[in-house]
N, C-alpha and C. Protein backbone atom coordinates (compact mmCIF):
# COMPACT_ATOMS: atom_id res chain seq x y z
N MET A 1 49.75 402.07 55.37
CA MET A 1 48.85 403.80 55.61
C MET A 1 47.46 403.94 54.80
N ILE A 2 46.81 404.18 55.12
CA ILE A 2 45.56 404.64 54.24
C ILE A 2 46.20 405.91 53.47
N LYS A 3 45.57 405.57 51.86
CA LYS A 3 46.38 406.65 50.80
C LYS A 3 44.67 407.26 50.02
N LEU A 4 44.98 408.21 50.14
CA LEU A 4 43.61 409.05 49.54
C LEU A 4 43.67 409.90 48.04
N TYR A 5 43.17 409.90 47.11
CA TYR A 5 43.41 410.53 45.85
C TYR A 5 42.30 411.05 45.83
N HIS A 6 42.37 412.60 45.62
CA HIS A 6 41.66 413.73 46.23
C HIS A 6 42.31 415.06 45.12
N ALA A 7 41.29 415.57 44.89
CA ALA A 7 41.39 417.16 43.97
C ALA A 7 40.10 417.80 44.84
N PRO A 8 40.80 419.11 44.91
CA PRO A 8 40.71 420.11 45.66
C PRO A 8 38.95 420.72 45.38
N ARG A 9 38.70 420.68 45.94
CA ARG A 9 36.99 421.37 46.47
C ARG A 9 35.99 419.94 45.96
N ALA A 10 36.40 419.06 45.31
CA ALA A 10 35.75 417.96 45.00
C ALA A 10 34.97 416.89 45.79
N ARG A 11 33.97 416.21 45.97
CA ARG A 11 33.62 415.65 47.15
C ARG A 11 34.68 414.74 47.44
N SER A 12 35.98 414.46 47.58
CA SER A 12 36.51 413.67 48.60
C SER A 12 36.88 414.94 49.73
N LEU A 13 36.26 415.98 49.63
CA LEU A 13 37.01 416.62 50.90
C LEU A 13 36.30 416.46 51.68
N ARG A 14 34.58 415.30 51.74
CA ARG A 14 34.52 414.74 52.60
C ARG A 14 34.95 413.66 53.57
N VAL A 15 36.04 413.09 52.51
CA VAL A 15 36.32 412.12 53.23
C VAL A 15 37.89 412.71 54.18
N LEU A 16 38.52 413.71 53.43
CA LEU A 16 39.55 414.31 54.05
C LEU A 16 39.15 415.04 55.37
N TRP A 17 38.28 415.56 55.55
CA TRP A 17 37.59 416.32 56.34
C TRP A 17 37.62 414.77 57.29
N THR A 18 36.73 414.26 57.05
CA THR A 18 36.75 413.22 58.04
C THR A 18 38.13 412.20 58.65
N LEU A 19 38.88 411.92 57.92
CA LEU A 19 40.00 411.98 58.20
C LEU A 19 40.89 412.51 59.14
N GLU A 20 40.86 413.96 59.26
CA GLU A 20 41.52 414.76 59.93
C GLU A 20 40.62 414.80 60.98
N GLU A 21 39.17 414.40 61.19
CA GLU A 21 38.37 414.53 62.34
C GLU A 21 39.07 413.47 63.13
N LEU A 22 39.36 412.36 62.30
CA LEU A 22 40.06 411.15 63.46
C LEU A 22 41.05 411.13 63.67
N HIS A 23 41.77 412.12 62.98
CA HIS A 23 43.21 412.44 63.26
C HIS A 23 44.30 410.31 63.50
N LEU A 24 43.45 410.33 61.98
CA LEU A 24 44.01 409.06 61.32
C LEU A 24 45.37 409.40 60.68
N GLY A 25 46.26 408.75 60.34
CA GLY A 25 47.38 408.59 59.08
C GLY A 25 47.16 408.72 57.80
N TYR A 26 47.38 409.19 57.19
CA TYR A 26 47.47 409.01 55.75
C TYR A 26 48.10 409.37 54.68
N ASP A 27 47.94 408.79 53.19
CA ASP A 27 49.18 409.53 52.38
C ASP A 27 48.25 409.86 51.40
N LEU A 28 48.27 411.16 51.32
CA LEU A 28 47.02 412.03 50.13
C LEU A 28 48.03 412.45 48.94
N VAL A 29 47.50 412.01 47.80
CA VAL A 29 47.78 412.27 47.03
C VAL A 29 46.77 413.39 46.11
N LEU A 30 47.01 414.84 45.70
CA LEU A 30 46.03 415.88 45.39
C LEU A 30 46.45 415.87 43.63
N LEU A 31 45.14 416.54 43.27
CA LEU A 31 45.09 415.86 41.66
C LEU A 31 44.71 417.09 41.22
N SER A 32 44.71 417.52 40.09
CA SER A 32 43.97 418.61 39.73
C SER A 32 42.61 418.24 38.85
N TYR A 33 41.41 419.19 38.62
CA TYR A 33 40.65 419.21 38.28
C TYR A 33 40.02 418.95 36.67
N PRO A 34 39.55 418.07 36.40
CA PRO A 34 39.40 417.10 36.62
C PRO A 34 40.58 416.14 36.76
N PRO A 35 40.28 415.29 37.55
CA PRO A 35 40.97 413.91 37.57
C PRO A 35 41.48 412.82 36.67
N ARG A 36 40.35 412.76 35.99
CA ARG A 36 40.85 411.55 34.50
C ARG A 36 41.69 412.07 33.59
N MET A 37 42.19 413.36 33.85
CA MET A 37 43.16 414.14 32.70
C MET A 37 44.25 413.73 33.22
N GLU A 38 44.40 412.79 34.28
CA GLU A 38 45.75 412.18 34.93
C GLU A 38 46.15 410.94 34.56
N PRO A 39 46.91 410.87 33.54
CA PRO A 39 47.21 409.14 32.82
C PRO A 39 48.01 408.61 34.16
N ASP A 40 48.77 408.82 34.95
CA ASP A 40 48.77 407.77 36.40
C ASP A 40 47.98 407.57 37.05
N PHE A 41 46.53 408.44 36.73
CA PHE A 41 45.93 408.44 38.52
C PHE A 41 44.63 407.82 37.59
N ILE A 42 44.56 407.34 36.08
CA ILE A 42 43.68 406.42 35.20
C ILE A 42 44.31 405.13 35.43
N GLN A 43 45.71 405.11 35.45
CA GLN A 43 45.86 403.96 35.53
C GLN A 43 45.33 402.92 36.88
N GLU A 44 45.46 403.83 37.70
CA GLU A 44 45.27 403.27 39.08
C GLU A 44 44.11 402.95 39.52
N ASN A 45 42.68 403.71 38.76
CA ASN A 45 41.60 404.55 38.92
C ASN A 45 40.87 404.27 37.89
N PRO A 46 40.49 403.35 36.89
CA PRO A 46 39.98 403.33 35.20
C PRO A 46 38.80 404.00 35.67
N HIS A 47 37.75 404.21 36.20
CA HIS A 47 36.70 405.17 36.70
C HIS A 47 36.92 406.87 36.99
N GLY A 48 38.58 407.22 36.80
CA GLY A 48 39.22 408.47 37.25
C GLY A 48 38.13 409.14 37.96
N THR A 49 37.77 409.23 38.44
CA THR A 49 36.89 410.37 39.85
C THR A 49 37.68 410.11 41.25
N VAL A 50 37.22 411.25 41.99
CA VAL A 50 37.50 411.26 43.62
C VAL A 50 36.73 411.98 44.21
N PRO A 51 36.28 410.58 45.39
CA PRO A 51 37.05 410.52 46.08
C PRO A 51 38.12 409.12 45.61
N TYR A 52 39.22 408.45 45.84
CA TYR A 52 39.58 406.86 45.79
C TYR A 52 40.32 406.75 46.66
N LEU A 53 40.16 406.28 47.75
CA LEU A 53 40.94 405.30 48.77
C LEU A 53 41.03 403.96 48.97
N VAL A 54 42.29 403.44 48.76
CA VAL A 54 43.45 402.94 49.25
C VAL A 54 43.66 402.44 50.20
N ASP A 55 42.93 401.22 51.05
CA ASP A 55 43.28 400.93 52.66
C ASP A 55 43.55 399.15 52.64
N GLY A 56 44.62 399.51 52.41
CA GLY A 56 45.47 397.66 52.24
C GLY A 56 44.51 396.98 50.57
N ALA A 57 44.12 395.92 50.73
CA ALA A 57 42.94 395.57 49.50
C ALA A 57 42.31 396.09 49.12
N LEU A 58 41.81 396.89 49.84
CA LEU A 58 40.63 397.93 49.48
C LEU A 58 40.55 398.56 48.99
N ARG A 59 40.01 399.06 47.71
CA ARG A 59 39.99 400.47 47.07
C ARG A 59 38.38 400.86 47.06
N MET A 60 37.82 401.81 47.40
CA MET A 60 36.79 402.41 47.43
C MET A 60 36.73 403.80 46.36
N ASN A 61 35.73 403.92 46.24
CA ASN A 61 35.61 405.81 45.47
C ASN A 61 34.06 406.44 45.59
N GLU A 62 33.15 405.77 46.23
CA GLU A 62 31.53 406.91 46.88
C GLU A 62 31.90 406.96 47.94
N SER A 63 31.58 408.49 48.72
CA SER A 63 32.39 409.92 49.39
C SER A 63 31.62 409.63 50.51
N VAL A 64 30.42 409.36 50.54
CA VAL A 64 29.39 409.09 51.71
C VAL A 64 30.28 407.64 52.06
N ALA A 65 29.90 406.52 51.73
CA ALA A 65 30.58 405.04 52.05
C ALA A 65 31.62 404.94 52.52
N ILE A 66 32.77 406.04 51.77
CA ILE A 66 33.83 406.05 52.93
C ILE A 66 34.34 406.66 53.91
N CYS A 67 33.67 407.67 53.99
CA CYS A 67 33.41 407.90 55.71
C CYS A 67 32.61 407.25 56.38
N GLN A 68 31.64 406.48 55.87
CA GLN A 68 30.98 405.46 56.89
C GLN A 68 31.54 404.39 57.42
N TYR A 69 32.48 404.25 56.60
CA TYR A 69 33.74 402.97 57.03
C TYR A 69 34.81 403.75 57.79
N LEU A 70 35.69 404.51 57.36
CA LEU A 70 36.11 404.82 58.13
C LEU A 70 35.98 405.04 59.69
N ALA A 71 34.75 406.00 59.78
CA ALA A 71 33.97 406.19 61.18
C ALA A 71 33.60 405.32 61.98
N SER A 72 33.12 404.17 61.05
CA SER A 72 32.79 402.86 62.00
C SER A 72 33.69 402.10 62.45
N ARG A 73 34.75 401.85 61.19
CA ARG A 73 35.81 401.25 61.69
C ARG A 73 37.03 401.50 62.82
N ALA A 74 36.41 402.62 63.30
CA ALA A 74 37.26 403.30 63.84
C ALA A 74 36.95 403.82 65.53
N ALA A 75 35.54 403.11 65.30
CA ALA A 75 34.57 403.25 66.35
C ALA A 75 34.37 404.44 67.15
N SER A 76 34.30 405.04 66.17
CA SER A 76 34.52 406.54 66.43
C SER A 76 32.76 407.59 66.48
N PRO A 77 32.98 408.48 67.73
CA PRO A 77 31.82 409.14 67.68
C PRO A 77 31.32 409.61 66.63
N LEU A 78 31.65 409.99 65.50
CA LEU A 78 31.79 410.31 64.40
C LEU A 78 30.44 409.68 63.17
N ALA A 79 30.29 407.91 63.81
CA ALA A 79 29.41 407.36 63.65
C ALA A 79 28.53 406.88 64.41
N CYS A 80 27.50 406.33 64.38
CA CYS A 80 26.23 406.83 65.54
C CYS A 80 25.71 404.81 64.72
N ARG A 81 25.54 404.39 66.07
CA ARG A 81 26.11 402.63 66.28
C ARG A 81 24.33 402.48 65.95
N PRO A 82 24.14 401.01 65.40
CA PRO A 82 22.88 400.21 65.21
C PRO A 82 22.13 400.50 66.67
N ASP A 83 22.37 400.46 67.81
CA ASP A 83 21.48 400.65 69.42
C ASP A 83 21.13 402.07 69.26
N ASP A 84 21.63 403.07 68.58
CA ASP A 84 21.27 404.13 68.89
C ASP A 84 19.95 404.63 68.18
N ASN A 85 19.02 405.28 69.22
CA ASN A 85 17.83 405.57 68.48
C ASN A 85 17.92 406.34 67.17
N ASP A 86 18.80 407.34 66.60
CA ASP A 86 19.18 408.12 65.68
C ASP A 86 19.85 407.22 64.53
N TYR A 87 19.90 406.23 64.46
CA TYR A 87 20.86 405.34 63.47
C TYR A 87 20.23 405.27 62.30
N GLY A 88 19.11 405.24 61.75
CA GLY A 88 18.25 405.23 60.24
C GLY A 88 18.49 406.89 60.07
N GLN A 89 17.83 407.84 61.53
CA GLN A 89 18.62 408.83 60.26
C GLN A 89 19.72 409.20 60.25
N TRP A 90 20.67 408.91 60.95
CA TRP A 90 22.07 409.20 60.42
C TRP A 90 22.57 408.36 58.83
N LEU A 91 22.06 407.28 58.88
CA LEU A 91 22.14 407.00 57.62
C LEU A 91 21.56 407.76 56.94
N ASN A 92 20.45 407.70 56.42
CA ASN A 92 19.37 408.88 56.04
C ASN A 92 19.91 409.77 55.41
N TRP A 93 20.74 410.68 56.49
CA TRP A 93 21.28 412.23 56.11
C TRP A 93 22.62 411.97 55.41
N ASN A 94 23.32 411.26 55.92
CA ASN A 94 24.57 410.58 54.62
C ASN A 94 24.08 410.44 53.74
N VAL A 95 23.04 409.63 53.44
CA VAL A 95 22.62 409.98 52.05
C VAL A 95 22.32 410.81 51.53
N PHE A 96 21.50 412.00 51.87
CA PHE A 96 20.47 412.90 51.95
C PHE A 96 22.13 413.80 50.91
N GLY A 97 22.87 414.16 52.12
CA GLY A 97 23.77 415.38 51.68
C GLY A 97 24.17 414.80 50.00
N GLU A 98 24.37 413.57 49.99
CA GLU A 98 25.11 413.84 48.54
C GLU A 98 23.90 413.51 47.06
N ALA A 99 22.39 412.30 47.76
CA ALA A 99 21.70 412.39 46.91
C ALA A 99 20.77 413.50 46.65
N SER A 100 20.45 414.49 47.34
CA SER A 100 19.34 415.24 47.67
C SER A 100 19.74 416.57 47.40
N MET A 101 21.33 416.96 47.78
CA MET A 101 21.99 418.25 47.67
C MET A 101 23.24 417.98 47.09
N THR A 102 24.44 417.21 46.80
CA THR A 102 25.20 417.49 46.06
C THR A 102 24.96 417.26 44.58
N TYR A 103 23.90 416.10 44.72
CA TYR A 103 23.76 415.73 42.64
C TYR A 103 23.10 416.94 41.85
N PRO A 104 21.72 417.38 42.43
CA PRO A 104 21.15 419.24 42.16
C PRO A 104 22.51 420.07 41.79
N LEU A 105 23.35 420.42 42.51
CA LEU A 105 24.10 421.51 42.63
C LEU A 105 26.06 421.00 41.17
N SER A 106 25.74 419.77 41.23
CA SER A 106 26.73 419.06 40.80
C SER A 106 26.28 419.65 39.07
N VAL A 107 24.88 419.36 38.98
CA VAL A 107 23.91 419.63 37.86
C VAL A 107 24.50 420.91 37.31
N ALA A 108 23.84 421.62 37.92
CA ALA A 108 23.65 423.17 38.43
C ALA A 108 25.32 423.66 37.71
N PHE A 109 26.00 423.36 38.41
CA PHE A 109 27.38 423.81 38.59
C PHE A 109 27.97 423.41 36.92
N HIS A 110 27.40 422.53 36.27
CA HIS A 110 28.25 421.53 34.71
C HIS A 110 27.32 422.41 33.82
N TYR A 111 26.01 422.63 34.07
CA TYR A 111 25.51 423.36 33.04
C TYR A 111 25.02 425.06 33.09
N GLY A 112 25.88 425.68 34.24
CA GLY A 112 25.96 427.30 34.58
C GLY A 112 26.96 427.89 33.80
N ASP A 113 27.27 429.23 34.06
CA ASP A 113 27.98 429.68 33.88
C ASP A 113 29.45 429.66 34.23
N TRP A 114 30.40 428.49 34.99
CA TRP A 114 31.28 428.02 35.00
C TRP A 114 31.45 427.07 34.13
N TYR A 115 31.04 426.07 34.00
CA TYR A 115 30.73 425.32 32.72
C TYR A 115 30.98 425.72 31.27
N GLU A 116 30.61 427.19 31.20
CA GLU A 116 30.57 427.34 29.80
C GLU A 116 32.44 428.40 29.60
N ARG A 117 32.58 429.08 30.83
CA ARG A 117 33.58 429.93 31.22
C ARG A 117 35.16 428.39 31.02
N HIS A 118 35.10 427.67 30.90
CA HIS A 118 36.20 426.71 31.45
C HIS A 118 35.58 425.92 30.01
N VAL A 119 34.60 425.32 29.71
CA VAL A 119 34.44 423.82 28.11
C VAL A 119 34.30 424.90 26.99
N PRO A 120 35.27 425.34 26.02
CA PRO A 120 34.97 425.82 25.05
C PRO A 120 33.83 424.81 24.16
N GLY A 121 32.72 426.39 23.80
CA GLY A 121 32.07 425.66 22.49
C GLY A 121 30.84 425.08 23.95
N CYS A 122 30.55 425.16 24.88
CA CYS A 122 29.79 424.83 25.57
C CYS A 122 28.76 425.94 26.11
N SER A 123 27.55 425.60 25.94
CA SER A 123 26.36 426.57 25.89
C SER A 123 25.42 426.75 27.23
N LYS A 124 25.52 427.95 28.11
CA LYS A 124 24.44 427.52 29.21
C LYS A 124 23.24 426.96 28.77
N TYR A 125 22.55 426.42 29.82
CA TYR A 125 21.37 425.62 30.17
C TYR A 125 20.62 426.05 31.19
N PRO A 126 20.18 428.07 30.88
CA PRO A 126 19.86 428.25 32.52
C PRO A 126 18.54 427.73 33.08
N GLU A 127 17.00 427.05 31.78
CA GLU A 127 16.23 425.94 32.72
C GLU A 127 16.77 425.10 33.23
N ILE A 128 17.61 424.36 32.76
CA ILE A 128 18.39 423.17 33.62
C ILE A 128 19.07 423.93 34.98
N VAL A 129 19.66 425.09 34.64
CA VAL A 129 20.31 425.13 36.56
C VAL A 129 19.22 425.86 37.15
N ARG A 130 18.27 426.20 36.73
CA ARG A 130 17.74 426.86 38.05
C ARG A 130 16.39 425.71 38.22
N TYR A 131 16.41 424.67 37.41
CA TYR A 131 15.44 423.38 38.26
C TYR A 131 16.24 422.88 39.28
N TYR A 132 17.40 422.94 39.15
CA TYR A 132 17.71 422.03 39.58
C TYR A 132 18.58 422.93 40.96
N LEU A 133 18.82 424.14 40.87
CA LEU A 133 19.11 425.00 41.88
C LEU A 133 17.55 425.01 42.91
N ASP A 134 16.49 425.01 42.15
CA ASP A 134 15.76 424.80 43.14
C ASP A 134 15.39 423.71 44.50
N ALA A 135 15.57 422.48 43.10
CA ALA A 135 15.91 421.26 44.28
C ALA A 135 16.77 421.33 45.21
N PHE A 136 17.85 422.18 45.27
CA PHE A 136 18.45 421.80 45.85
C PHE A 136 18.28 422.87 46.93
N GLN A 137 17.24 424.11 46.82
CA GLN A 137 16.77 425.00 47.74
C GLN A 137 15.63 423.86 48.70
N ASP A 138 14.91 423.38 47.73
CA ASP A 138 13.75 422.34 48.30
C ASP A 138 14.66 421.44 49.97
N ALA A 139 16.34 420.43 49.44
CA ALA A 139 16.83 419.99 50.39
C ALA A 139 16.99 420.70 51.98
N VAL A 140 17.50 422.13 51.26
CA VAL A 140 18.11 422.65 52.52
C VAL A 140 16.71 423.18 53.54
N ALA A 141 15.80 423.21 52.56
CA ALA A 141 14.49 423.48 53.69
C ALA A 141 14.32 422.35 54.50
N VAL A 142 14.29 421.19 54.06
CA VAL A 142 14.10 419.84 54.81
C VAL A 142 15.31 420.05 56.09
N ILE A 143 16.86 420.32 55.94
CA ILE A 143 16.99 420.11 56.48
C ILE A 143 17.31 421.51 57.93
N GLU A 144 16.64 422.72 57.13
CA GLU A 144 16.40 423.62 58.05
C GLU A 144 15.29 423.21 58.99
N ALA A 145 14.63 421.82 58.65
CA ALA A 145 13.50 421.71 59.29
C ALA A 145 13.98 420.55 60.20
N ARG A 146 14.90 420.02 60.06
CA ARG A 146 15.43 418.87 60.43
C ARG A 146 16.22 419.34 62.40
N LEU A 147 17.06 420.94 61.87
CA LEU A 147 17.94 421.20 62.90
C LEU A 147 17.25 422.32 63.37
N GLU A 148 16.05 422.30 63.39
CA GLU A 148 15.02 422.60 64.66
C GLU A 148 15.08 422.52 65.84
N GLY A 149 15.80 423.20 66.93
CA GLY A 149 15.59 422.37 68.34
C GLY A 149 17.06 421.89 68.25
N ARG A 150 17.81 421.66 67.76
CA ARG A 150 19.08 420.97 67.11
C ARG A 150 20.45 420.94 66.44
N THR A 151 21.20 420.63 67.09
CA THR A 151 22.71 421.28 66.64
C THR A 151 23.20 420.77 65.61
N TYR A 152 23.23 419.31 65.85
CA TYR A 152 23.33 418.55 64.35
C TYR A 152 22.20 417.22 63.89
N LEU A 153 22.61 416.70 63.26
CA LEU A 153 21.44 416.17 62.35
C LEU A 153 21.42 414.78 62.71
N ALA A 154 22.30 414.09 63.54
CA ALA A 154 21.66 413.28 64.24
C ALA A 154 22.50 412.63 65.04
N CYS A 155 21.68 411.97 66.59
CA CYS A 155 22.88 411.02 67.86
C CYS A 155 23.00 412.16 68.23
N ASP A 156 22.73 413.94 68.48
CA ASP A 156 23.23 414.67 69.40
C ASP A 156 24.55 414.96 69.21
N ARG A 157 25.45 414.67 68.43
CA ARG A 157 26.49 415.32 67.94
C ARG A 157 27.08 415.11 66.62
N PHE A 158 28.24 415.74 66.39
CA PHE A 158 29.37 415.42 64.86
C PHE A 158 29.50 414.58 64.63
N THR A 159 28.19 414.32 63.49
CA THR A 159 29.17 412.82 62.89
C THR A 159 29.07 412.92 61.10
N THR A 160 29.55 412.10 60.21
CA THR A 160 29.85 412.02 59.31
C THR A 160 28.80 412.31 58.37
N ALA A 161 27.39 412.41 58.90
CA ALA A 161 26.10 412.79 58.53
C ALA A 161 26.37 414.48 58.16
N ASP A 162 26.78 415.07 59.13
CA ASP A 162 27.41 416.47 59.01
C ASP A 162 27.76 417.00 57.80
N ILE A 163 29.57 416.01 58.02
CA ILE A 163 29.96 415.97 56.86
C ILE A 163 29.40 416.15 55.71
N SER A 164 28.65 415.03 55.85
CA SER A 164 28.01 414.88 53.85
C SER A 164 27.15 416.06 53.54
N VAL A 165 26.10 416.64 54.57
CA VAL A 165 25.04 417.25 54.61
C VAL A 165 26.51 419.46 54.13
N CYS A 166 27.39 419.18 54.98
CA CYS A 166 28.12 420.14 55.09
C CYS A 166 29.00 420.71 53.57
N TYR A 167 29.30 419.14 53.31
CA TYR A 167 30.35 419.44 51.71
C TYR A 167 29.14 420.13 50.89
N SER A 168 27.81 420.11 51.26
CA SER A 168 27.24 420.23 50.14
C SER A 168 26.27 421.81 49.75
N LEU A 169 26.84 422.58 51.36
CA LEU A 169 27.25 423.73 51.73
C LEU A 169 27.74 424.33 51.30
N PHE A 170 29.53 424.04 51.37
CA PHE A 170 30.30 424.51 51.00
C PHE A 170 30.31 424.75 49.29
N LEU A 171 29.81 423.73 48.92
CA LEU A 171 29.89 423.59 47.26
C LEU A 171 29.05 424.81 46.83
N PHE A 172 27.59 425.17 47.62
CA PHE A 172 26.82 425.98 47.02
C PHE A 172 27.25 427.65 47.62
N GLU A 173 27.73 427.11 48.20
CA GLU A 173 28.72 429.18 48.75
C GLU A 173 29.51 429.00 47.37
N MET A 174 30.36 428.38 47.23
CA MET A 174 31.65 427.96 46.61
C MET A 174 31.03 429.10 45.02
N MET A 175 29.85 427.96 44.67
CA MET A 175 29.24 428.63 43.49
C MET A 175 28.70 430.22 43.63
N GLY A 176 28.61 431.02 44.80
CA GLY A 176 28.87 432.24 45.21
C GLY A 176 27.29 432.17 45.10
N PHE A 177 26.30 431.70 46.12
CA PHE A 177 24.85 431.37 46.64
C PHE A 177 24.90 431.38 47.96
N GLY A 178 25.71 431.51 48.87
CA GLY A 178 25.72 431.46 50.31
C GLY A 178 25.03 432.20 50.76
N ASP A 179 24.49 433.33 49.99
CA ASP A 179 23.50 434.41 50.59
C ASP A 179 22.32 433.81 50.61
N GLN A 180 22.19 432.74 50.32
CA GLN A 180 20.73 432.23 49.86
C GLN A 180 20.36 431.36 51.06
N ILE A 181 21.51 431.13 51.70
CA ILE A 181 21.33 429.64 53.00
C ILE A 181 20.52 430.50 54.00
N PRO A 182 19.77 429.62 54.09
CA PRO A 182 18.76 430.58 55.62
C PRO A 182 19.46 430.41 57.03
N ASP A 183 19.36 431.18 57.67
CA ASP A 183 20.11 431.79 58.78
C ASP A 183 20.37 430.43 59.69
N VAL A 184 19.19 429.46 59.66
CA VAL A 184 19.73 428.55 61.01
C VAL A 184 20.37 427.37 60.24
N VAL A 185 20.13 427.31 58.62
CA VAL A 185 20.92 426.32 58.18
C VAL A 185 22.69 426.75 58.04
N SER A 186 22.88 428.79 58.06
CA SER A 186 23.63 428.99 57.58
C SER A 186 24.52 429.00 59.27
N ASP A 187 24.15 429.15 60.15
CA ASP A 187 24.41 429.08 61.36
C ASP A 187 25.32 428.14 61.59
N TYR A 188 24.38 427.03 61.57
CA TYR A 188 24.88 425.79 60.98
C TYR A 188 26.37 424.99 60.55
N TRP A 189 26.40 425.48 59.44
CA TRP A 189 27.58 425.19 58.35
C TRP A 189 28.15 426.04 58.94
N ARG A 190 28.65 427.17 59.59
CA ARG A 190 29.63 428.14 60.27
C ARG A 190 30.17 427.71 61.45
N SER A 191 28.93 427.12 61.94
CA SER A 191 29.53 426.14 62.97
C SER A 191 30.25 424.72 62.93
N CYS A 192 29.63 424.18 62.02
CA CYS A 192 30.13 422.97 61.60
C CYS A 192 31.70 423.61 60.99
N SER A 193 32.32 424.34 60.10
CA SER A 193 33.24 424.88 59.81
C SER A 193 33.86 425.14 60.36
N ALA A 194 33.83 425.97 61.81
CA ALA A 194 34.21 426.21 62.12
C ALA A 194 35.64 425.24 63.48
N ARG A 195 35.24 423.73 62.76
CA ARG A 195 36.05 422.98 64.17
C ARG A 195 37.37 422.73 63.27
N GLU A 196 38.14 422.36 64.18
CA GLU A 196 39.78 422.49 63.44
C GLU A 196 39.75 421.52 62.53
N SER A 197 39.26 420.39 62.09
CA SER A 197 39.44 419.67 61.34
C SER A 197 39.43 419.97 60.13
N TYR A 198 38.09 420.81 60.29
CA TYR A 198 37.60 421.53 58.80
C TYR A 198 38.78 423.04 58.74
N ARG A 199 38.82 423.42 59.30
CA ARG A 199 40.07 424.57 59.12
C ARG A 199 41.36 424.39 58.50
N SER A 200 41.95 422.80 59.36
CA SER A 200 42.68 422.38 58.75
C SER A 200 43.03 421.92 57.27
N LEU A 201 41.86 421.75 56.71
CA LEU A 201 41.76 421.40 55.04
C LEU A 201 42.79 422.50 53.95
N ALA A 202 42.40 423.73 54.54
CA ALA A 202 42.85 424.89 53.81
C ALA A 202 44.64 424.54 53.97
N ILE A 203 44.97 424.39 54.92
CA ILE A 203 45.98 424.08 54.45
C ILE A 203 46.71 423.10 53.70
N ILE A 204 46.25 421.85 53.78
CA ILE A 204 46.51 420.72 53.49
C ILE A 204 46.37 420.93 51.86
N GLU A 205 44.93 421.51 51.28
CA GLU A 205 44.43 421.75 49.63
C GLU A 205 46.09 422.65 49.60
N ALA A 206 46.64 423.69 49.88
CA ALA A 206 47.77 424.65 49.85
C ALA A 206 49.00 423.99 49.29
N GLY A 207 49.04 422.53 49.88
CA GLY A 207 50.42 422.19 50.40
C GLY A 207 51.03 421.85 48.90
N PRO A 208 51.96 420.51 48.88
CA PRO A 208 52.25 420.01 48.05
C PRO A 208 51.53 418.88 46.98
N MET A 209 51.70 418.12 46.10
CA MET A 209 51.12 417.36 45.44
C MET A 209 50.70 416.05 45.64
N ARG A 210 51.86 415.94 47.06
CA ARG A 210 50.97 414.33 47.46
C ARG A 210 51.97 414.90 49.33
N GLN A 211 50.89 414.57 50.45
CA GLN A 211 51.81 414.86 51.51
C GLN A 211 51.34 413.30 52.60
N SER A 212 52.08 413.73 53.00
CA SER A 212 51.53 412.38 54.22
C SER A 212 50.93 413.13 55.79
N ARG A 213 50.12 412.53 55.87
CA ARG A 213 49.48 413.10 57.47
C ARG A 213 49.84 411.97 58.83
N LYS A 214 50.37 412.19 59.89
CA LYS A 214 50.70 411.36 60.95
C LYS A 214 50.24 411.36 62.01
C-alpha cells in the first residue's frame, strides 16, 4: 500500500487531496510541523520534509511530481494525456501552483508575523513580506486571466493542476488574506474546495496520527 507522510496544512495536502480524489488506498502518517523535528521521520527521510511518499521501492518528496505520478499511473482524468490539446498547459499550471504561487507565499509566511510569534528572537522583515505577497498577487492575476471563460485550468476538467494552484489559495486564505482574492479566482477556489475529496481532508487531519484509508 502507498504510504504518505503528511503534516497538516503543508504541501503534502496536495498529495492527500489527489489520493482522495483517486479513491486509492493508502497508509497515512500524520506528523507535527515542522516534520524535521520528528527523529523517527528523519531516519526514514533525512531531508525532513513533507510530502514523503513511499510506493514499493519508490520514494518521492515533491508534491506536484507526486500528484502527477499518481494521476498518470492511474490513467485518471486528473491527468492530461500527451495527445490532449491542453497537455502543455496542464504541465505548466501544475508547476505554476508551486513555483510561482506557493514559493512566494512560503517566504512571506516565514518572514511575517507567524514566524515571529513562533520562533523566539526572530524579527519581522516587512519589506520582504510585502515583496513576496505582491509577487503572489501577480501570479493570482495570471490565474484570473486563465480562468476567463473557463471552469478549470486545463483540459476542461478538474485536474492535478487545479489541486496544485488551489493549495496556494488555501495557504493565502489561511494566512488571513482571503478577502484579497479576486472574485473570479475566489469563485473557482470555492468550487474546487466544495468537492467531496477536499471536504474529507478536514476529517482526516483531525484524526489519529496514523491512519489507513482503503
